[in-house]
N, C-alpha and C. Protein backbone atom coordinates (compact mmCIF):
# COMPACT_ATOMS: atom_id res chain seq x y z
N MET A 1 -82.52 -97.00 -14.62
CA MET A 1 -82.23 -98.56 -15.24
C MET A 1 -82.83 -99.51 -14.18
N SER A 2 -83.72 -100.31 -14.52
CA SER A 2 -84.39 -101.21 -13.43
C SER A 2 -83.47 -101.83 -12.26
N ALA A 3 -83.93 -102.30 -11.37
CA ALA A 3 -83.21 -103.26 -10.49
C ALA A 3 -82.76 -104.61 -10.91
N ARG A 4 -83.71 -105.21 -11.68
CA ARG A 4 -83.69 -106.62 -12.54
C ARG A 4 -82.73 -106.17 -13.60
N ARG A 5 -82.71 -105.30 -14.38
CA ARG A 5 -81.60 -104.90 -15.33
C ARG A 5 -80.22 -104.92 -14.81
N THR A 6 -80.22 -103.95 -13.47
CA THR A 6 -79.05 -103.79 -13.10
C THR A 6 -78.54 -105.17 -12.82
N SER A 7 -79.23 -106.07 -11.90
CA SER A 7 -78.74 -107.41 -11.70
C SER A 7 -78.18 -107.98 -12.60
N THR A 8 -78.97 -108.01 -14.14
CA THR A 8 -78.66 -109.08 -15.04
C THR A 8 -77.19 -108.48 -15.42
N THR A 9 -77.02 -107.41 -15.82
CA THR A 9 -75.78 -106.63 -16.13
C THR A 9 -75.04 -107.17 -15.16
N SER A 10 -74.90 -106.82 -13.99
CA SER A 10 -73.75 -107.49 -12.89
C SER A 10 -73.64 -108.88 -13.25
N ARG A 11 -73.94 -109.49 -13.11
CA ARG A 11 -74.17 -110.92 -13.53
C ARG A 11 -73.32 -111.25 -14.47
N ARG A 12 -73.63 -110.28 -15.72
CA ARG A 12 -72.93 -110.32 -16.78
C ARG A 12 -71.18 -110.58 -16.79
N VAL A 13 -71.26 -108.96 -16.24
CA VAL A 13 -69.87 -108.73 -15.80
C VAL A 13 -69.37 -109.45 -15.13
N THR A 14 -69.80 -110.01 -14.14
CA THR A 14 -69.23 -110.99 -13.26
C THR A 14 -68.71 -112.16 -13.78
N ARG A 15 -69.57 -112.73 -14.91
CA ARG A 15 -69.15 -113.96 -15.36
C ARG A 15 -67.83 -113.42 -16.49
N LEU A 16 -68.09 -112.44 -17.20
CA LEU A 16 -67.17 -112.06 -18.02
C LEU A 16 -65.89 -111.86 -17.45
N VAL A 17 -65.73 -111.47 -16.25
CA VAL A 17 -64.11 -111.19 -15.35
C VAL A 17 -64.13 -112.71 -14.80
N ALA A 18 -64.72 -113.67 -14.59
CA ALA A 18 -64.32 -115.02 -14.12
C ALA A 18 -63.65 -115.76 -15.37
N VAL A 19 -63.74 -115.63 -16.47
CA VAL A 19 -63.29 -116.12 -17.48
C VAL A 19 -61.75 -116.28 -17.75
N PRO A 20 -61.25 -115.30 -17.48
CA PRO A 20 -59.77 -114.97 -17.70
C PRO A 20 -59.23 -115.67 -16.53
N TRP A 21 -59.77 -115.33 -15.30
CA TRP A 21 -58.90 -115.85 -13.92
C TRP A 21 -59.17 -117.10 -14.07
N GLY A 22 -60.36 -117.76 -14.65
CA GLY A 22 -60.69 -119.34 -14.63
C GLY A 22 -59.53 -120.04 -15.40
N LEU A 23 -59.46 -119.30 -16.76
CA LEU A 23 -58.69 -119.63 -17.76
C LEU A 23 -56.80 -119.82 -16.86
N TRP A 24 -56.67 -118.70 -16.36
CA TRP A 24 -55.37 -118.71 -15.77
C TRP A 24 -55.19 -119.95 -15.11
N GLY A 25 -56.17 -119.83 -13.96
CA GLY A 25 -55.93 -121.19 -13.03
C GLY A 25 -55.90 -122.40 -14.00
N ALA A 26 -56.59 -122.51 -15.03
CA ALA A 26 -56.41 -123.79 -15.91
C ALA A 26 -54.98 -124.08 -16.16
N ALA A 27 -54.41 -122.92 -16.73
CA ALA A 27 -53.03 -122.78 -17.09
C ALA A 27 -52.05 -123.44 -16.13
N MET A 28 -52.15 -122.89 -14.98
CA MET A 28 -51.25 -123.27 -13.52
C MET A 28 -51.51 -124.90 -13.34
N LEU A 29 -52.83 -124.88 -13.58
CA LEU A 29 -53.22 -126.66 -12.94
C LEU A 29 -52.73 -127.57 -14.12
N LEU A 30 -52.77 -127.22 -15.49
CA LEU A 30 -52.51 -128.24 -16.24
C LEU A 30 -51.27 -128.16 -17.22
N ARG A 31 -50.42 -126.70 -16.64
CA ARG A 31 -48.89 -126.61 -17.52
C ARG A 31 -48.61 -125.76 -16.23
N PRO A 32 -48.03 -126.45 -15.39
CA PRO A 32 -47.45 -125.65 -14.14
C PRO A 32 -46.03 -125.35 -14.62
N GLY A 33 -45.32 -125.83 -15.12
CA GLY A 33 -44.00 -125.61 -15.59
C GLY A 33 -43.90 -124.59 -16.34
N ASP A 34 -44.46 -124.33 -17.58
CA ASP A 34 -44.95 -123.16 -18.43
C ASP A 34 -45.12 -122.04 -17.53
N VAL A 35 -46.05 -121.98 -16.98
CA VAL A 35 -46.74 -120.96 -16.33
C VAL A 35 -45.26 -120.28 -15.58
N THR A 36 -44.63 -120.94 -14.69
CA THR A 36 -43.99 -120.68 -13.72
C THR A 36 -42.34 -119.99 -14.36
N ARG A 37 -42.27 -120.96 -15.60
CA ARG A 37 -41.03 -120.26 -16.47
C ARG A 37 -41.58 -119.09 -17.05
N LEU A 38 -42.64 -118.54 -17.50
CA LEU A 38 -43.34 -117.46 -17.67
C LEU A 38 -43.05 -116.31 -16.51
N VAL A 39 -43.55 -116.66 -15.37
CA VAL A 39 -43.58 -115.66 -14.37
C VAL A 39 -42.30 -115.62 -13.70
N CYS A 40 -41.24 -116.60 -13.66
CA CYS A 40 -40.17 -117.00 -12.94
C CYS A 40 -39.11 -115.90 -13.69
N GLY A 41 -39.30 -115.88 -14.93
CA GLY A 41 -38.29 -115.30 -15.45
C GLY A 41 -36.78 -115.81 -15.40
N GLY A 42 -36.75 -117.13 -15.11
CA GLY A 42 -35.24 -117.87 -15.10
C GLY A 42 -34.70 -117.70 -13.75
N GLY A 43 -35.39 -117.39 -12.93
CA GLY A 43 -35.03 -117.22 -11.53
C GLY A 43 -35.89 -118.40 -10.89
N PRO A 44 -35.37 -118.92 -9.40
CA PRO A 44 -36.19 -120.29 -8.90
C PRO A 44 -37.85 -120.12 -8.93
N GLU A 45 -38.08 -121.50 -9.19
CA GLU A 45 -39.18 -121.76 -9.65
C GLU A 45 -40.11 -122.40 -8.42
N PRO A 46 -41.31 -122.17 -8.11
CA PRO A 46 -42.01 -123.05 -7.23
C PRO A 46 -42.28 -124.47 -7.55
N ASP A 47 -42.35 -125.68 -6.98
CA ASP A 47 -42.79 -126.64 -7.45
C ASP A 47 -44.04 -126.53 -7.76
N ALA A 48 -43.86 -127.97 -8.86
CA ALA A 48 -45.10 -127.69 -9.78
C ALA A 48 -46.47 -128.04 -9.01
N TRP A 49 -45.95 -128.78 -7.97
CA TRP A 49 -47.62 -129.31 -7.17
C TRP A 49 -48.48 -127.66 -6.11
N ILE A 50 -47.38 -127.06 -6.25
CA ILE A 50 -47.91 -125.70 -5.38
C ILE A 50 -48.76 -125.26 -6.46
N VAL A 51 -48.07 -125.13 -7.46
CA VAL A 51 -48.97 -124.49 -8.92
C VAL A 51 -50.20 -124.94 -9.35
N ARG A 52 -49.60 -126.26 -9.26
CA ARG A 52 -51.47 -127.32 -9.64
C ARG A 52 -52.50 -126.85 -8.56
N VAL A 53 -51.92 -126.77 -7.18
CA VAL A 53 -52.77 -126.68 -6.18
C VAL A 53 -53.32 -125.53 -5.98
N LEU A 54 -52.92 -124.21 -6.48
CA LEU A 54 -53.22 -122.44 -6.36
C LEU A 54 -54.23 -122.75 -7.82
N GLY A 55 -53.61 -123.48 -8.96
CA GLY A 55 -54.80 -123.27 -10.19
C GLY A 55 -55.93 -124.01 -9.98
N ALA A 56 -56.11 -125.24 -9.37
CA ALA A 56 -57.10 -126.01 -8.92
C ALA A 56 -58.05 -124.74 -8.01
N ARG A 57 -57.49 -124.19 -7.24
CA ARG A 57 -58.43 -123.25 -6.42
C ARG A 57 -59.05 -122.37 -7.35
N LEU A 58 -58.04 -121.71 -8.07
CA LEU A 58 -58.69 -120.55 -8.80
C LEU A 58 -60.02 -121.28 -10.06
N VAL A 59 -59.58 -122.44 -10.54
CA VAL A 59 -60.70 -123.21 -11.53
C VAL A 59 -61.82 -123.47 -10.65
N ALA A 60 -61.81 -123.78 -9.65
CA ALA A 60 -62.85 -124.12 -8.48
C ALA A 60 -63.78 -122.76 -8.77
N GLN A 61 -63.16 -121.92 -8.14
CA GLN A 61 -63.43 -120.67 -7.56
C GLN A 61 -64.35 -120.23 -8.60
N HIS A 62 -63.82 -119.64 -9.71
CA HIS A 62 -64.08 -119.22 -10.93
C HIS A 62 -65.21 -119.79 -11.91
N VAL A 63 -65.13 -121.26 -11.69
CA VAL A 63 -66.40 -121.94 -12.23
C VAL A 63 -67.79 -121.94 -11.56
N LEU A 64 -67.22 -121.83 -10.17
CA LEU A 64 -68.69 -121.59 -9.37
C LEU A 64 -69.03 -120.18 -9.58
N THR A 65 -68.43 -119.42 -9.81
CA THR A 65 -68.92 -117.76 -10.03
C THR A 65 -69.30 -117.97 -11.54
N LEU A 66 -68.87 -118.43 -12.24
CA LEU A 66 -69.77 -118.94 -13.53
C LEU A 66 -71.19 -119.10 -13.25
N VAL A 67 -71.26 -120.46 -12.54
CA VAL A 67 -72.63 -121.09 -12.43
C VAL A 67 -73.46 -120.22 -11.68
N ARG A 68 -72.84 -119.99 -10.57
CA ARG A 68 -73.87 -118.90 -9.86
C ARG A 68 -73.09 -117.46 -9.30
N PRO A 69 -73.28 -116.51 -10.22
CA PRO A 69 -72.73 -115.31 -9.71
C PRO A 69 -73.40 -114.27 -8.87
N THR A 70 -73.59 -115.13 -7.57
CA THR A 70 -74.43 -114.22 -6.81
C THR A 70 -73.44 -113.16 -6.22
N ARG A 71 -74.08 -112.15 -5.31
CA ARG A 71 -73.10 -111.46 -4.47
C ARG A 71 -72.44 -112.23 -3.36
N ALA A 72 -73.05 -113.05 -2.60
CA ALA A 72 -72.49 -113.70 -1.69
C ALA A 72 -71.19 -114.68 -2.41
N VAL A 73 -71.49 -115.30 -3.74
CA VAL A 73 -70.56 -115.92 -4.05
C VAL A 73 -69.05 -115.47 -4.45
N VAL A 74 -69.63 -114.12 -4.98
CA VAL A 74 -68.19 -113.25 -5.70
C VAL A 74 -67.50 -112.34 -4.48
N LEU A 75 -68.28 -112.50 -3.33
CA LEU A 75 -67.29 -111.94 -2.22
C LEU A 75 -66.91 -112.78 -1.51
N ALA A 76 -67.24 -114.06 -1.36
CA ALA A 76 -66.54 -115.01 -1.11
C ALA A 76 -65.23 -115.45 -1.53
N GLY A 77 -65.47 -115.34 -2.70
CA GLY A 77 -64.18 -115.40 -3.58
C GLY A 77 -63.24 -114.72 -3.62
N ALA A 78 -63.58 -113.42 -3.48
CA ALA A 78 -62.68 -111.85 -3.32
C ALA A 78 -62.27 -112.04 -1.96
N GLY A 79 -62.76 -112.50 -0.73
CA GLY A 79 -62.14 -113.04 0.53
C GLY A 79 -60.96 -113.97 0.51
N THR A 80 -61.54 -114.62 -0.29
CA THR A 80 -60.37 -116.12 -0.61
C THR A 80 -59.25 -115.52 -1.13
N ASP A 81 -59.64 -114.63 -2.08
CA ASP A 81 -58.47 -113.81 -2.98
C ASP A 81 -57.28 -113.05 -1.99
N LEU A 82 -58.26 -112.40 -1.19
CA LEU A 82 -57.57 -111.31 -0.29
C LEU A 82 -56.60 -112.14 0.77
N LEU A 83 -57.22 -113.16 1.34
CA LEU A 83 -56.50 -114.49 2.19
C LEU A 83 -55.32 -114.67 1.60
N HIS A 84 -55.39 -115.17 0.21
CA HIS A 84 -54.22 -115.39 -0.42
C HIS A 84 -53.42 -114.37 -0.33
N ALA A 85 -53.41 -113.28 -1.04
CA ALA A 85 -52.79 -111.87 -1.21
C ALA A 85 -51.89 -111.84 0.42
N ALA A 86 -52.73 -111.86 1.43
CA ALA A 86 -52.08 -111.59 2.66
C ALA A 86 -51.14 -112.96 3.21
N SER A 87 -51.39 -113.83 2.63
CA SER A 87 -50.46 -115.19 2.77
C SER A 87 -48.95 -114.86 2.01
N MET A 88 -49.33 -114.35 1.09
CA MET A 88 -48.21 -113.99 -0.13
C MET A 88 -46.80 -113.41 0.88
N VAL A 89 -47.28 -112.34 1.58
CA VAL A 89 -46.55 -111.60 2.59
C VAL A 89 -45.92 -112.46 3.42
N VAL A 90 -46.43 -113.27 4.15
CA VAL A 90 -45.57 -114.45 4.95
C VAL A 90 -44.63 -115.25 4.04
N ALA A 91 -45.07 -115.54 2.95
CA ALA A 91 -44.07 -116.33 1.92
C ALA A 91 -42.89 -115.37 1.77
N ARG A 92 -43.33 -114.49 1.49
CA ARG A 92 -42.12 -113.13 0.78
C ARG A 92 -41.10 -113.59 1.87
N VAL A 93 -41.62 -113.65 3.28
CA VAL A 93 -40.46 -113.46 4.26
C VAL A 93 -39.87 -114.93 4.63
N ARG A 94 -41.03 -116.03 4.49
CA ARG A 94 -40.21 -117.25 4.34
C ARG A 94 -39.25 -117.58 3.10
N TRP A 95 -39.65 -117.42 1.98
CA TRP A 95 -39.17 -117.88 0.81
C TRP A 95 -38.53 -116.47 -0.07
N PRO A 96 -37.53 -115.58 0.23
CA PRO A 96 -36.90 -114.73 0.01
C PRO A 96 -36.55 -114.92 -1.88
N ASP A 97 -36.02 -116.06 -1.63
CA ASP A 97 -35.90 -116.34 -3.31
C ASP A 97 -36.89 -116.69 -4.05
N HIS A 98 -38.05 -116.72 -3.69
CA HIS A 98 -39.05 -116.84 -4.88
C HIS A 98 -39.68 -115.71 -4.64
N ALA A 99 -39.26 -114.36 -4.69
CA ALA A 99 -39.89 -113.02 -4.55
C ALA A 99 -40.69 -113.21 -5.83
N ARG A 100 -40.33 -113.22 -7.06
CA ARG A 100 -41.07 -112.81 -8.16
C ARG A 100 -42.43 -113.49 -8.23
N PRO A 101 -42.17 -114.93 -8.32
CA PRO A 101 -43.31 -115.37 -8.08
C PRO A 101 -44.37 -115.32 -6.99
N ILE A 102 -43.95 -115.20 -5.91
CA ILE A 102 -44.67 -114.59 -4.72
C ILE A 102 -45.27 -113.30 -4.95
N TRP A 103 -44.68 -112.56 -5.51
CA TRP A 103 -45.10 -111.01 -5.84
C TRP A 103 -46.16 -111.22 -6.71
N VAL A 104 -46.14 -111.92 -7.75
CA VAL A 104 -46.94 -112.21 -9.11
C VAL A 104 -48.36 -112.89 -8.56
N SER A 105 -48.13 -113.85 -7.67
CA SER A 105 -49.10 -114.76 -7.04
C SER A 105 -49.98 -113.71 -5.96
N GLY A 106 -49.56 -112.80 -5.08
CA GLY A 106 -49.98 -112.01 -4.23
C GLY A 106 -50.86 -110.54 -4.75
N THR A 107 -50.07 -110.25 -6.16
CA THR A 107 -50.91 -108.73 -6.63
C THR A 107 -51.86 -109.39 -7.44
N THR A 108 -51.61 -110.67 -8.20
CA THR A 108 -52.94 -110.97 -8.75
C THR A 108 -54.23 -111.26 -8.12
N SER A 109 -53.72 -112.04 -7.09
CA SER A 109 -54.92 -112.39 -6.06
C SER A 109 -55.53 -110.71 -5.37
N LEU A 110 -54.57 -109.99 -5.18
CA LEU A 110 -55.00 -108.62 -4.68
C LEU A 110 -56.01 -108.23 -5.68
N GLY A 111 -55.54 -108.32 -7.15
CA GLY A 111 -56.24 -107.69 -8.13
C GLY A 111 -57.69 -108.34 -8.32
N SER A 112 -57.43 -109.50 -8.09
CA SER A 112 -59.20 -110.26 -8.38
C SER A 112 -59.67 -110.04 -7.50
N ALA A 113 -59.53 -109.77 -5.95
CA ALA A 113 -60.22 -109.53 -4.84
C ALA A 113 -60.74 -108.04 -5.31
N VAL A 114 -60.11 -107.16 -5.68
CA VAL A 114 -60.51 -105.64 -5.62
C VAL A 114 -61.61 -105.78 -7.02
N VAL A 115 -61.56 -106.31 -7.95
CA VAL A 115 -62.49 -106.61 -9.25
C VAL A 115 -63.58 -107.34 -8.66
N GLY A 116 -63.59 -108.63 -7.72
CA GLY A 116 -64.31 -109.33 -7.36
C GLY A 116 -65.37 -108.40 -6.49
N ALA A 117 -64.77 -107.60 -5.51
CA ALA A 117 -65.65 -106.37 -4.90
C ALA A 117 -66.40 -105.62 -5.62
N LEU A 118 -65.71 -105.25 -6.60
CA LEU A 118 -66.39 -104.12 -7.70
C LEU A 118 -67.37 -104.83 -8.11
N THR A 119 -67.55 -105.75 -8.58
CA THR A 119 -68.15 -106.57 -9.38
C THR A 119 -69.44 -107.47 -8.99
N ALA A 120 -69.64 -107.37 -7.58
CA ALA A 120 -70.33 -108.39 -6.89
C ALA A 120 -71.90 -107.96 -6.98
N GLY A 121 -72.02 -106.94 -7.35
CA GLY A 121 -73.69 -106.37 -7.23
C GLY A 121 -73.85 -106.36 -5.89
N ARG A 122 -75.08 -106.05 -6.41
CA ARG A 122 -76.16 -105.73 -5.07
C ARG A 122 -76.73 -106.78 -4.35
């Protein structure tokens, strides 16, 4: 396979992966109450503004990835996801009652970081 074909395929895969993450962010931004009820399962829910801010970050990150799926952009997004996942460790210590949404936020960010690193291309 030529380098050009590999690059084109990598960008297609990157864009394909960005869509569900961007949609998840849009749901967080537009319907924070529904998302937190789904994620928290009846437990304590974070404030809607927190969910909206995190959703806006995901939308911005993944729209940028859709528009410009370069290695640098994808790796910057993966780094941002990794920092967010690490911050959830601190959040878990600070707000133990919110363990479930913190765990979901941290693990999905970690998953996004791994997928981003794997799909970043060359």
